[in-house]
Amino acid sequence: MAMAKHNLAELARMHPLQMARIKGIGKARAAQVMAALELGRRRHAGPPLQKTQVCKSSDIARFLQVSLQDRQQEVFGVLYLNRANRINHFEIVSEGGITGTVADPRIILKKALEQNAVSIIVCHNHPSGNLQPSRADEQLTQRLKEAAQLLDIHMLDHVIVSDQGYYSFADEGLI
């Protein structure tokens, strides 16, 4: 625990192999600790997201914060919704480095068609804690929105989460 600065949040951010190097832990115990942390994360997230109706950005931000909070690298996910704004599927479509990730609109929209999605909400995390969208975030949001419109798919929001909170493009009037 000293290696994690006696902090559960730091422990949760450790890679299992890093944790296994701690004297007395090993690979098996590290796997058990990671499983216990995941159970705690899922309990905190509340009921499963599948078929949950999304009415506002805060509905989804809590789930995303719990799901993405301990990631050391940026990840980009998509929520695929039906006509009633109920979530059919959530998928991480891209994992990147510490400072960014690449999301391909073609892959996102192909999966939207495969999921029979009427709407999508895209999301990613900022491990740095900074909630402000980058210029690249803004450009990707615009490109995705325009491409989705061609397929009659509504892009409802782009949500950025960190341990500091969340940023919603829709709440800011940018979608």
C-alpha atoms as a PDB file:
ATOM      1  CA  MET A   1       0.000   0.000   0.000  1.00  0.00           C
ATOM      2  CA  ALA A   2       2.964   2.329   0.560  1.00  0.00           C
ATOM      3  CA  MET A   3       3.736   2.086  -3.176  1.00  0.00           C
ATOM      4  CA  ALA A   4       0.243   3.496  -3.784  1.00  0.00           C
ATOM      5  CA  LYS A   5       0.895   6.256  -1.239  1.00  0.00           C
ATOM      6  CA  HIS A   6      -1.632   4.610   1.136  1.00  0.00           C
ATOM      7  CA  ASN A   7      -4.382   5.725  -1.246  1.00  0.00           C
ATOM      8  CA  LEU A   8      -6.998   3.372  -2.740  1.00  0.00           C
ATOM      9  CA  ALA A   9      -7.423   5.611  -5.791  1.00  0.00           C
ATOM     10  CA  GLU A  10      -3.692   5.286  -6.528  1.00  0.00           C
ATOM     11  CA  LEU A  11      -3.889   1.535  -5.969  1.00  0.00           C
ATOM     12  CA  ALA A  12      -6.780   1.315  -8.449  1.00  0.00           C
ATOM     13  CA  ARG A  13      -4.680   3.113 -11.067  1.00  0.00           C
ATOM     14  CA  MET A  14      -1.805   0.638 -10.777  1.00  0.00           C
ATOM     15  CA  HIS A  15      -1.249  -1.912 -13.497  1.00  0.00           C
ATOM     16  CA  PRO A  16      -1.643  -5.478 -12.151  1.00  0.00           C
ATOM     17  CA  LEU A  17       1.976  -6.309 -13.031  1.00  0.00           C
ATOM     18  CA  GLN A  18       3.155  -3.234 -11.143  1.00  0.00           C
ATOM     19  CA  MET A  19       1.059  -4.301  -8.159  1.00  0.00           C
ATOM     20  CA  ALA A  20       2.457  -7.848  -8.375  1.00  0.00           C
ATOM     21  CA  ARG A  21       5.969  -6.463  -7.790  1.00  0.00           C
ATOM     22  CA  ILE A  22       4.991  -5.337  -4.296  1.00  0.00           C
ATOM     23  CA  LYS A  23       6.531  -7.648  -1.713  1.00  0.00           C
ATOM     24  CA  GLY A  24       4.028 -10.262  -0.566  1.00  0.00           C
ATOM     25  CA  ILE A  25       1.472  -9.658  -3.317  1.00  0.00           C
ATOM     26  CA  GLY A  26       2.395 -11.611  -6.458  1.00  0.00           C
ATOM     27  CA  LYS A  27       0.275 -12.095  -9.572  1.00  0.00           C
ATOM     28  CA  ALA A  28      -2.579 -14.051  -7.950  1.00  0.00           C
ATOM     29  CA  ARG A  29      -3.098 -11.567  -5.113  1.00  0.00           C
ATOM     30  CA  ALA A  30      -2.838  -8.639  -7.565  1.00  0.00           C
ATOM     31  CA  ALA A  31      -5.633 -10.229  -9.622  1.00  0.00           C
ATOM     32  CA  GLN A  32      -7.761 -10.566  -6.477  1.00  0.00           C
ATOM     33  CA  VAL A  33      -7.174  -6.937  -5.507  1.00  0.00           C
ATOM     34  CA  MET A  34      -8.029  -5.773  -9.040  1.00  0.00           C
ATOM     35  CA  ALA A  35     -11.221  -7.884  -8.961  1.00  0.00           C
ATOM     36  CA  ALA A  36     -12.239  -6.381  -5.607  1.00  0.00           C
ATOM     37  CA  LEU A  37     -11.622  -2.860  -6.919  1.00  0.00           C
ATOM     38  CA  GLU A  38     -13.706  -3.629 -10.018  1.00  0.00           C
ATOM     39  CA  LEU A  39     -16.581  -4.904  -7.848  1.00  0.00           C
ATOM     40  CA  GLY A  40     -16.469  -1.655  -5.884  1.00  0.00           C
ATOM     41  CA  ARG A  41     -16.472   0.341  -9.111  1.00  0.00           C
ATOM     42  CA  ARG A  42     -19.502  -1.560 -10.411  1.00  0.00           C
ATOM     43  CA  ARG A  43     -21.370  -1.143  -7.134  1.00  0.00           C
ATOM     44  CA  HIS A  44     -20.733   2.586  -7.251  1.00  0.00           C
ATOM     45  CA  ALA A  45     -21.934   2.754 -10.872  1.00  0.00           C
ATOM     46  CA  GLY A  46     -25.401   1.569  -9.893  1.00  0.00           C
ATOM     47  CA  PRO A  47     -27.644  -0.597 -12.058  1.00  0.00           C
ATOM     48  CA  PRO A  48     -26.411  -1.786 -15.458  1.00  0.00           C
ATOM     49  CA  LEU A  49     -26.523   0.892 -18.105  1.00  0.00           C
ATOM     50  CA  GLN A  50     -28.134  -1.287 -20.755  1.00  0.00           C
ATOM     51  CA  LYS A  51     -31.624  -0.063 -21.654  1.00  0.00           C
ATOM     52  CA  THR A  52     -31.231   2.953 -19.355  1.00  0.00           C
ATOM     53  CA  GLN A  53     -32.990   6.001 -20.748  1.00  0.00           C
ATOM     54  CA  VAL A  54     -30.778   9.039 -21.227  1.00  0.00           C
ATOM     55  CA  CYS A  55     -32.511  12.368 -20.626  1.00  0.00           C
ATOM     56  CA  LYS A  56     -29.617  14.683 -19.741  1.00  0.00           C
ATOM     57  CA  SER A  57     -25.833  14.719 -19.700  1.00  0.00           C
ATOM     58  CA  SER A  58     -25.608  14.100 -15.960  1.00  0.00           C
ATOM     59  CA  ASP A  59     -27.459  10.776 -16.478  1.00  0.00           C
ATOM     60  CA  ILE A  60     -24.525   9.485 -18.454  1.00  0.00           C
ATOM     61  CA  ALA A  61     -21.653  11.382 -16.810  1.00  0.00           C
ATOM     62  CA  ARG A  62     -21.879   9.385 -13.576  1.00  0.00           C
ATOM     63  CA  PHE A  63     -21.613   6.066 -15.399  1.00  0.00           C
ATOM     64  CA  LEU A  64     -18.733   7.309 -17.519  1.00  0.00           C
ATOM     65  CA  GLN A  65     -16.823   8.711 -14.570  1.00  0.00           C
ATOM     66  CA  VAL A  66     -17.056   5.394 -12.737  1.00  0.00           C
ATOM     67  CA  SER A  67     -16.189   3.398 -15.868  1.00  0.00           C
ATOM     68  CA  LEU A  68     -13.266   5.541 -16.992  1.00  0.00           C
ATOM     69  CA  GLN A  69     -11.954   7.160 -13.803  1.00  0.00           C
ATOM     70  CA  ASP A  70      -8.911   4.971 -13.201  1.00  0.00           C
ATOM     71  CA  ARG A  71      -7.691   4.878 -16.789  1.00  0.00           C
ATOM     72  CA  GLN A  72      -4.154   6.211 -17.189  1.00  0.00           C
ATOM     73  CA  GLN A  73      -4.589   6.690 -20.926  1.00  0.00           C
ATOM     74  CA  GLU A  74      -7.291   8.391 -22.956  1.00  0.00           C
ATOM     75  CA  VAL A  75     -10.095   6.160 -24.168  1.00  0.00           C
ATOM     76  CA  PHE A  76     -12.923   7.020 -26.535  1.00  0.00           C
ATOM     77  CA  GLY A  77     -16.325   5.382 -26.153  1.00  0.00           C
ATOM     78  CA  VAL A  78     -19.713   5.483 -27.802  1.00  0.00           C
ATOM     79  CA  LEU A  79     -23.194   4.962 -26.409  1.00  0.00           C
ATOM     80  CA  TYR A  80     -25.576   3.643 -29.064  1.00  0.00           C
ATOM     81  CA  LEU A  81     -29.212   4.582 -28.368  1.00  0.00           C
ATOM     82  CA  ASN A  82     -32.594   3.480 -29.705  1.00  0.00           C
ATOM     83  CA  ARG A  83     -35.591   5.706 -30.580  1.00  0.00           C
ATOM     84  CA  ALA A  84     -36.560   6.069 -26.920  1.00  0.00           C
ATOM     85  CA  ASN A  85     -33.022   7.231 -26.013  1.00  0.00           C
ATOM     86  CA  ARG A  86     -32.412   3.924 -24.267  1.00  0.00           C
ATOM     87  CA  ILE A  87     -28.899   2.570 -24.438  1.00  0.00           C
ATOM     88  CA  ASN A  88     -28.558  -0.457 -26.703  1.00  0.00           C
ATOM     89  CA  HIS A  89     -24.811  -0.760 -26.354  1.00  0.00           C
ATOM     90  CA  PHE A  90     -21.716   0.939 -24.931  1.00  0.00           C
ATOM     91  CA  GLU A  91     -18.320   0.298 -26.408  1.00  0.00           C
ATOM     92  CA  ILE A  92     -14.817   1.688 -26.087  1.00  0.00           C
ATOM     93  CA  VAL A  93     -13.782   2.164 -29.712  1.00  0.00           C
ATOM     94  CA  SER A  94     -10.300   3.559 -29.184  1.00  0.00           C
ATOM     95  CA  GLU A  95      -7.565   3.487 -26.558  1.00  0.00           C
ATOM     96  CA  GLY A  96      -4.691   5.880 -26.849  1.00  0.00           C
ATOM     97  CA  GLY A  97      -1.802   7.298 -24.943  1.00  0.00           C
ATOM     98  CA  ILE A  98      -1.603   9.627 -22.001  1.00  0.00           C
ATOM     99  CA  THR A  99      -2.198  12.743 -24.105  1.00  0.00           C
ATOM    100  CA  GLY A 100      -4.700  11.573 -26.679  1.00  0.00           C
ATOM    101  CA  THR A 101      -6.525   8.919 -28.642  1.00  0.00           C
ATOM    102  CA  VAL A 102      -7.742   8.636 -32.210  1.00  0.00           C
ATOM    103  CA  ALA A 103     -11.396   8.008 -33.009  1.00  0.00           C
ATOM    104  CA  ASP A 104     -12.405   7.130 -36.560  1.00  0.00           C
ATOM    105  CA  PRO A 105     -15.884   8.396 -37.544  1.00  0.00           C
ATOM    106  CA  ARG A 106     -16.232   5.569 -40.094  1.00  0.00           C
ATOM    107  CA  ILE A 107     -15.777   2.888 -37.428  1.00  0.00           C
ATOM    108  CA  ILE A 108     -18.114   4.673 -34.997  1.00  0.00           C
ATOM    109  CA  LEU A 109     -20.875   5.066 -37.580  1.00  0.00           C
ATOM    110  CA  LYS A 110     -20.450   1.540 -38.950  1.00  0.00           C
ATOM    111  CA  LYS A 111     -21.019   0.220 -35.431  1.00  0.00           C
ATOM    112  CA  ALA A 112     -23.999   2.565 -35.019  1.00  0.00           C
ATOM    113  CA  LEU A 113     -25.589   0.997 -38.092  1.00  0.00           C
ATOM    114  CA  GLU A 114     -24.785  -2.512 -36.823  1.00  0.00           C
ATOM    115  CA  GLN A 115     -26.425  -1.659 -33.474  1.00  0.00           C
ATOM    116  CA  ASN A 116     -29.498  -0.164 -35.215  1.00  0.00           C
ATOM    117  CA  ALA A 117     -28.802   3.045 -33.319  1.00  0.00           C
ATOM    118  CA  VAL A 118     -30.983   6.065 -33.934  1.00  0.00           C
ATOM    119  CA  SER A 119     -28.703   8.289 -31.838  1.00  0.00           C
ATOM    120  CA  ILE A 120     -25.204   8.243 -30.420  1.00  0.00           C
ATOM    121  CA  ILE A 121     -23.396   9.907 -27.554  1.00  0.00           C
ATOM    122  CA  VAL A 122     -19.621   9.928 -27.827  1.00  0.00           C
ATOM    123  CA  CYS A 123     -17.390  10.266 -24.814  1.00  0.00           C
ATOM    124  CA  HIS A 124     -13.806  10.203 -23.721  1.00  0.00           C
ATOM    125  CA  ASN A 125     -11.752  10.796 -20.637  1.00  0.00           C
ATOM    126  CA  HIS A 126      -9.034  13.305 -19.853  1.00  0.00           C
ATOM    127  CA  PRO A 127      -6.642  11.582 -17.417  1.00  0.00           C
ATOM    128  CA  SER A 128      -5.010  14.966 -16.753  1.00  0.00           C
ATOM    129  CA  GLY A 129      -8.177  16.170 -15.037  1.00  0.00           C
ATOM    130  CA  ASN A 130      -8.574  19.113 -17.440  1.00  0.00           C
ATOM    131  CA  LEU A 131     -12.177  19.144 -18.639  1.00  0.00           C
ATOM    132  CA  GLN A 132     -11.777  21.693 -21.426  1.00  0.00           C
ATOM    133  CA  PRO A 133     -12.068  20.210 -24.927  1.00  0.00           C
ATOM    134  CA  SER A 134      -9.052  20.512 -27.180  1.00  0.00           C
ATOM    135  CA  ARG A 135      -9.286  21.927 -30.684  1.00  0.00           C
ATOM    136  CA  ALA A 136      -9.018  18.326 -31.942  1.00  0.00           C
ATOM    137  CA  ASP A 137     -11.996  17.360 -29.718  1.00  0.00           C
ATOM    138  CA  GLU A 138     -14.055  20.182 -31.228  1.00  0.00           C
ATOM    139  CA  GLN A 139     -13.093  19.254 -34.799  1.00  0.00           C
ATOM    140  CA  LEU A 140     -13.857  15.566 -34.271  1.00  0.00           C
ATOM    141  CA  THR A 141     -17.226  16.438 -32.750  1.00  0.00           C
ATOM    142  CA  GLN A 142     -18.151  18.542 -35.780  1.00  0.00           C
ATOM    143  CA  ARG A 143     -16.959  15.893 -38.272  1.00  0.00           C
ATOM    144  CA  LEU A 144     -18.855  13.136 -36.450  1.00  0.00           C
ATOM    145  CA  LYS A 145     -22.027  15.194 -36.225  1.00  0.00           C
ATOM    146  CA  GLU A 146     -21.958  15.992 -39.957  1.00  0.00           C
ATOM    147  CA  ALA A 147     -21.178  12.408 -40.971  1.00  0.00           C
ATOM    148  CA  ALA A 148     -23.897  11.027 -38.674  1.00  0.00           C
ATOM    149  CA  GLN A 149     -26.471  13.395 -40.185  1.00  0.00           C
ATOM    150  CA  LEU A 150     -25.801  11.894 -43.619  1.00  0.00           C
ATOM    151  CA  LEU A 151     -26.873   8.523 -42.194  1.00  0.00           C
ATOM    152  CA  ASP A 152     -29.858   9.984 -40.329  1.00  0.00           C
ATOM    153  CA  ILE A 153     -28.186   9.250 -36.985  1.00  0.00           C
ATOM    154  CA  HIS A 154     -28.452  11.957 -34.337  1.00  0.00           C
ATOM    155  CA  MET A 155     -25.350  12.807 -32.349  1.00  0.00           C
ATOM    156  CA  LEU A 156     -26.814  13.945 -29.047  1.00  0.00           C
ATOM    157  CA  ASP A 157     -23.667  14.817 -27.108  1.00  0.00           C
ATOM    158  CA  HIS A 158     -19.937  14.505 -26.662  1.00  0.00           C
ATOM    159  CA  VAL A 159     -19.080  14.126 -22.981  1.00  0.00           C
ATOM    160  CA  ILE A 160     -15.578  14.507 -21.551  1.00  0.00           C
ATOM    161  CA  VAL A 161     -15.030  13.057 -18.079  1.00  0.00           C
ATOM    162  CA  SER A 162     -12.253  13.265 -15.526  1.00  0.00           C
ATOM    163  CA  ASP A 163     -11.988  12.899 -11.789  1.00  0.00           C
ATOM    164  CA  GLN A 164     -12.798  16.638 -11.652  1.00  0.00           C
ATOM    165  CA  GLY A 165     -16.270  16.269 -13.199  1.00  0.00           C
ATOM    166  CA  TYR A 166     -17.580  16.328 -16.753  1.00  0.00           C
ATOM    167  CA  TYR A 167     -17.973  18.601 -19.764  1.00  0.00           C
ATOM    168  CA  SER A 168     -20.932  18.268 -22.125  1.00  0.00           C
ATOM    169  CA  PHE A 169     -20.816  19.758 -25.618  1.00  0.00           C
ATOM    170  CA  ALA A 170     -24.641  19.729 -25.640  1.00  0.00           C
ATOM    171  CA  ASP A 171     -24.880  21.583 -22.318  1.00  0.00           C
ATOM    172  CA  GLU A 172     -22.509  24.213 -23.720  1.00  0.00           C
ATOM    173  CA  GLY A 173     -24.626  24.616 -26.875  1.00  0.00           C
ATOM    174  CA  LEU A 174     -21.901  23.198 -29.133  1.00  0.00           C
ATOM    175  CA  ILE A 175     -24.037  20.391 -30.597  1.00  0.00           C
END
